[in-house]
C-alpha atoms as a PDB file:
ATOM      1  CA  MET A   1       4.323   9.554  -8.511  1.00  0.00           C
ATOM      2  CA  LYS A   2       4.984   7.954 -11.946  1.00  0.00           C
ATOM      3  CA  ASP A   3       6.943   5.451 -10.636  1.00  0.00           C
ATOM      4  CA  VAL A   4       5.271   3.844  -8.114  1.00  0.00           C
ATOM      5  CA  ASN A   5       4.088   0.126  -7.692  1.00  0.00           C
ATOM      6  CA  LEU A   6       1.623  -1.137  -5.068  1.00  0.00           C
ATOM      7  CA  PHE A   7       3.931  -3.378  -4.201  1.00  0.00           C
ATOM      8  CA  ASP A   8       7.299  -1.860  -4.727  1.00  0.00           C
ATOM      9  CA  ARG A   9       8.625  -1.574  -1.242  1.00  0.00           C
ATOM     10  CA  VAL A  10      11.569   1.169  -1.597  1.00  0.00           C
ATOM     11  CA  SER A  11       8.611   3.366  -2.895  1.00  0.00           C
ATOM     12  CA  TRP A  12       6.664   2.718   0.252  1.00  0.00           C
ATOM     13  CA  LYS A  13       9.661   3.189   2.401  1.00  0.00           C
ATOM     14  CA  ALA A  14      10.351   6.573   0.694  1.00  0.00           C
ATOM     15  CA  LEU A  15       6.817   7.731   0.897  1.00  0.00           C
ATOM     16  CA  LYS A  16       6.621   6.794   4.576  1.00  0.00           C
ATOM     17  CA  GLU A  17       9.982   8.747   5.532  1.00  0.00           C
ATOM     18  CA  ALA A  18       8.849  11.801   3.187  1.00  0.00           C
ATOM     19  CA  LYS A  19       5.400  12.019   5.178  1.00  0.00           C
ATOM     20  CA  GLY A  20       7.412  11.388   8.851  1.00  0.00           C
ATOM     21  CA  LEU A  21       5.294   8.013   9.478  1.00  0.00           C
ATOM     22  CA  THR A  22       6.613   5.172  11.617  1.00  0.00           C
ATOM     23  CA  TYR A  23       5.522   2.026  11.566  1.00  0.00           C
ATOM     24  CA  ARG A  24       3.362   2.116  14.467  1.00  0.00           C
ATOM     25  CA  GLN A  25       1.045   4.867  13.462  1.00  0.00           C
ATOM     26  CA  ILE A  26       0.801   2.775   9.562  1.00  0.00           C
ATOM     27  CA  SER A  27      -0.531   0.113  11.463  1.00  0.00           C
ATOM     28  CA  GLU A  28      -2.375   2.162  13.980  1.00  0.00           C
ATOM     29  CA  GLN A  29      -4.425   3.563  10.979  1.00  0.00           C
ATOM     30  CA  LEU A  30      -4.682   0.274   8.922  1.00  0.00           C
ATOM     31  CA  GLY A  31      -5.929  -1.228  12.357  1.00  0.00           C
ATOM     32  CA  LEU A  32      -3.193  -4.069  12.134  1.00  0.00           C
ATOM     33  CA  PHE A  33      -0.047  -5.355  14.146  1.00  0.00           C
ATOM     34  CA  GLN A  34       2.909  -3.224  13.871  1.00  0.00           C
ATOM     35  CA  GLY A  35       4.502  -6.479  13.113  1.00  0.00           C
ATOM     36  CA  SER A  36       3.022  -7.022   9.796  1.00  0.00           C
ATOM     37  CA  VAL A  37       3.299  -3.855   8.611  1.00  0.00           C
ATOM     38  CA  GLU A  38       7.091  -4.189   9.046  1.00  0.00           C
ATOM     39  CA  LYS A  39       7.674  -7.648   7.342  1.00  0.00           C
ATOM     40  CA  TRP A  40       6.452  -5.754   3.922  1.00  0.00           C
ATOM     41  CA  PHE A  41       8.709  -2.574   3.930  1.00  0.00           C
ATOM     42  CA  THR A  42      11.455  -5.757   4.806  1.00  0.00           C
ATOM     43  CA  GLY A  43      10.137  -7.974   2.042  1.00  0.00           C
ATOM     44  CA  GLU A  44       9.499 -10.534   4.694  1.00  0.00           C
ATOM     45  CA  LYS A  45       6.043 -10.895   3.582  1.00  0.00           C
ATOM     46  CA  ARG A  46       3.611  -9.500   1.079  1.00  0.00           C
ATOM     47  CA  PRO A  47       0.086  -7.884   2.066  1.00  0.00           C
ATOM     48  CA  SER A  48      -2.781  -8.791   0.432  1.00  0.00           C
ATOM     49  CA  ILE A  49      -3.854  -7.042  -1.901  1.00  0.00           C
ATOM     50  CA  LEU A  50      -6.855  -5.248  -0.002  1.00  0.00           C
ATOM     51  CA  ASN A  51      -3.943  -4.138   2.664  1.00  0.00           C
ATOM     52  CA  ALA A  52      -1.927  -3.145  -0.558  1.00  0.00           C
ATOM     53  CA  ILE A  53      -4.205  -0.656  -1.534  1.00  0.00           C
ATOM     54  CA  ALA A  54      -4.683   0.374   2.497  1.00  0.00           C
ATOM     55  CA  LEU A  55      -1.655   1.271   2.701  1.00  0.00           C
ATOM     56  CA  ALA A  56      -1.551   3.124  -0.700  1.00  0.00           C
ATOM     57  CA  ARG A  57      -4.367   5.426   0.920  1.00  0.00           C
ATOM     58  CA  VAL A  58      -1.417   6.132   4.082  1.00  0.00           C
ATOM     59  CA  LEU A  59       0.875   6.994   1.998  1.00  0.00           C
ATOM     60  CA  GLY A  60      -1.283   8.960  -0.561  1.00  0.00           C
ATOM     61  CA  ILE A  61      -0.479   6.747  -3.415  1.00  0.00           C
ATOM     62  CA  PRO A  62      -3.453   7.814  -6.201  1.00  0.00           C
ATOM     63  CA  LEU A  63      -6.476   4.840  -6.788  1.00  0.00           C
ATOM     64  CA  GLU A  64      -5.306   5.132 -10.014  1.00  0.00           C
ATOM     65  CA  LYS A  65      -1.479   4.388  -9.816  1.00  0.00           C
ATOM     66  CA  VAL A  66      -2.762   1.295  -7.667  1.00  0.00           C
ATOM     67  CA  LEU A  67      -5.265  -0.223 -10.349  1.00  0.00           C
ATOM     68  CA  GLU A  68      -2.530   0.680 -13.101  1.00  0.00           C
ATOM     69  CA  ASP A  69      -1.175  -2.187 -11.277  1.00  0.00           C
ATOM     70  CA  ILE A  70      -3.832  -4.484 -11.870  1.00  0.00           C
ATOM     71  CA  ASP A  71      -4.361  -5.954 -15.242  1.00  0.00           C
ATOM     72  CA  ASP A  72      -7.937  -7.932 -14.711  1.00  0.00           C
ATOM     73  CA  PRO A  73     -10.334  -5.680 -15.334  1.00  0.00           C
ATOM     74  CA  ASP A  74     -13.013  -7.511 -13.499  1.00  0.00           C
ATOM     75  CA  VAL A  75     -10.764  -7.652 -10.620  1.00  0.00           C
ATOM     76  CA  ARG A  76     -10.470  -3.409 -11.486  1.00  0.00           C
ATOM     77  CA  THR A  77     -13.937  -3.515 -11.319  1.00  0.00           C
ATOM     78  CA  LEU A  78     -14.656  -4.965  -8.093  1.00  0.00           C
ATOM     79  CA  LEU A  79     -11.555  -2.913  -6.455  1.00  0.00           C
ATOM     80  CA  ARG A  80     -13.220   0.552  -7.846  1.00  0.00           C
ATOM     81  CA  LEU A  81     -16.421  -0.177  -6.398  1.00  0.00           C
ATOM     82  CA  SER A  82     -15.243  -1.427  -2.960  1.00  0.00           C
ATOM     83  CA  LEU A  83     -12.656   1.707  -2.551  1.00  0.00           C
END
């Protein structure tokens, strides 16, 4: 998990496959359209920071790893409080 980045689509795909998850399962867990999730994985779109964090939870990326990619300490604090 050391090399996983919050916006790293390659890692997302590897984790998705390792967990045996489909786009439909991920989208259902996030409460989003399947097409939106697929576009994140293909690189057509990037998820918002909150959706990326929710995706990280579904894929099992630890919160510490997610926050490691955010430089602004105020944003890190707000995100910790909201999660």
